[in-house]
Amino acid sequence: LAERGIFYVPDYAINIGGAMAITGMEALGWTEAEATERVTRSAEQAVRRILELSDREGVSTEEAARRLAEERLAG
């Protein structure tokens, strides 16, 4: 995909947004605007980290996302 100029980030890397927004609104009292802002910021940070790792290590964005997910799960 990258060779064809197609930007790709796996869905699991940023798909947490819906659950994050609902939890924030219901459990933490966020307004809809706060939830949107926090989810957007979180997604932007995730994509930035993926792109930086992909560029630095010379791997696909899919591989970079997988590595970051594994690191996060490992604690």
Protein backbone atom coordinates (compact mmCIF):
# COMPACT_ATOMS: atom_id res chain seq x y z
CA LEU A 1 0.00 0.00 0.00
CA ALA A 2 2.76 2.44 0.90
CA GLU A 3 4.37 1.96 -2.51
CA ARG A 4 1.09 3.07 -4.07
CA GLY A 5 0.83 6.11 -1.79
CA ILE A 6 -2.00 4.63 0.27
CA PHE A 7 -1.89 5.49 3.95
CA TYR A 8 -3.03 2.62 6.17
CA VAL A 9 -3.38 2.20 9.92
CA PRO A 10 -4.98 -1.00 11.24
CA ASP A 11 -8.43 -0.50 12.71
CA TYR A 12 -7.44 -1.95 16.07
CA ALA A 13 -4.89 0.84 16.48
CA ILE A 14 -7.53 3.57 16.69
CA ASN A 15 -10.86 1.73 16.94
CA ILE A 16 -11.06 2.11 20.71
CA GLY A 17 -12.59 5.56 20.25
CA GLY A 18 -16.22 4.52 20.53
CA ALA A 19 -15.72 2.60 23.75
CA MET A 20 -13.56 5.39 25.13
CA ALA A 21 -16.20 8.03 24.36
CA ILE A 22 -19.10 6.04 25.84
CA THR A 23 -17.13 5.17 28.98
CA GLY A 24 -15.98 8.75 29.40
CA MET A 25 -19.48 10.14 29.03
CA GLU A 26 -21.26 7.56 31.19
CA ALA A 27 -18.68 6.85 33.89
CA LEU A 28 -16.64 10.03 33.98
CA GLY A 29 -19.24 12.63 33.11
CA TRP A 30 -17.57 13.93 29.96
CA THR A 31 -19.70 16.07 27.69
CA GLU A 32 -20.05 14.99 24.07
CA ALA A 33 -17.59 17.73 23.12
CA GLU A 34 -15.05 16.50 25.69
CA ALA A 35 -15.43 12.92 24.49
CA THR A 36 -14.94 13.97 20.87
CA GLU A 37 -11.86 16.02 21.77
CA ARG A 38 -10.28 13.23 23.84
CA VAL A 39 -10.98 10.52 21.26
CA THR A 40 -9.63 12.70 18.46
CA ARG A 41 -6.48 13.53 20.43
CA SER A 42 -5.95 9.86 21.31
CA ALA A 43 -6.36 8.77 17.68
CA GLU A 44 -3.96 11.47 16.47
CA GLN A 45 -1.35 10.39 19.02
CA ALA A 46 -1.73 6.73 18.04
CA VAL A 47 -1.32 7.49 14.35
CA ARG A 48 1.68 9.74 15.05
CA ARG A 49 3.41 7.00 17.08
CA ILE A 50 2.72 4.44 14.34
CA LEU A 51 4.08 6.71 11.61
CA GLU A 52 7.18 7.60 13.61
CA LEU A 53 8.00 3.95 14.35
CA SER A 54 7.28 2.93 10.76
CA ASP A 55 9.61 5.62 9.43
CA ARG A 56 12.34 5.07 12.03
CA GLU A 57 12.41 1.27 11.70
CA GLY A 58 11.61 1.06 7.99
CA VAL A 59 8.60 -1.20 8.56
CA SER A 60 5.02 -1.02 7.36
CA THR A 61 2.48 0.89 9.40
CA GLU A 62 0.77 -2.42 10.07
CA GLU A 63 3.98 -3.85 11.56
CA ALA A 64 4.57 -0.67 13.55
CA ALA A 65 1.03 -0.79 14.97
CA ARG A 66 1.46 -4.46 15.91
CA ARG A 67 4.74 -3.75 17.71
CA LEU A 68 3.25 -0.85 19.64
CA ALA A 69 0.22 -2.95 20.62
CA GLU A 70 2.46 -5.78 21.82
CA GLU A 71 4.59 -3.35 23.85
CA ARG A 72 1.50 -1.89 25.46
CA LEU A 73 0.06 -5.30 26.31
CA ALA A 74 3.39 -6.45 27.76
CA GLY A 75 3.19 -3.56 30.18
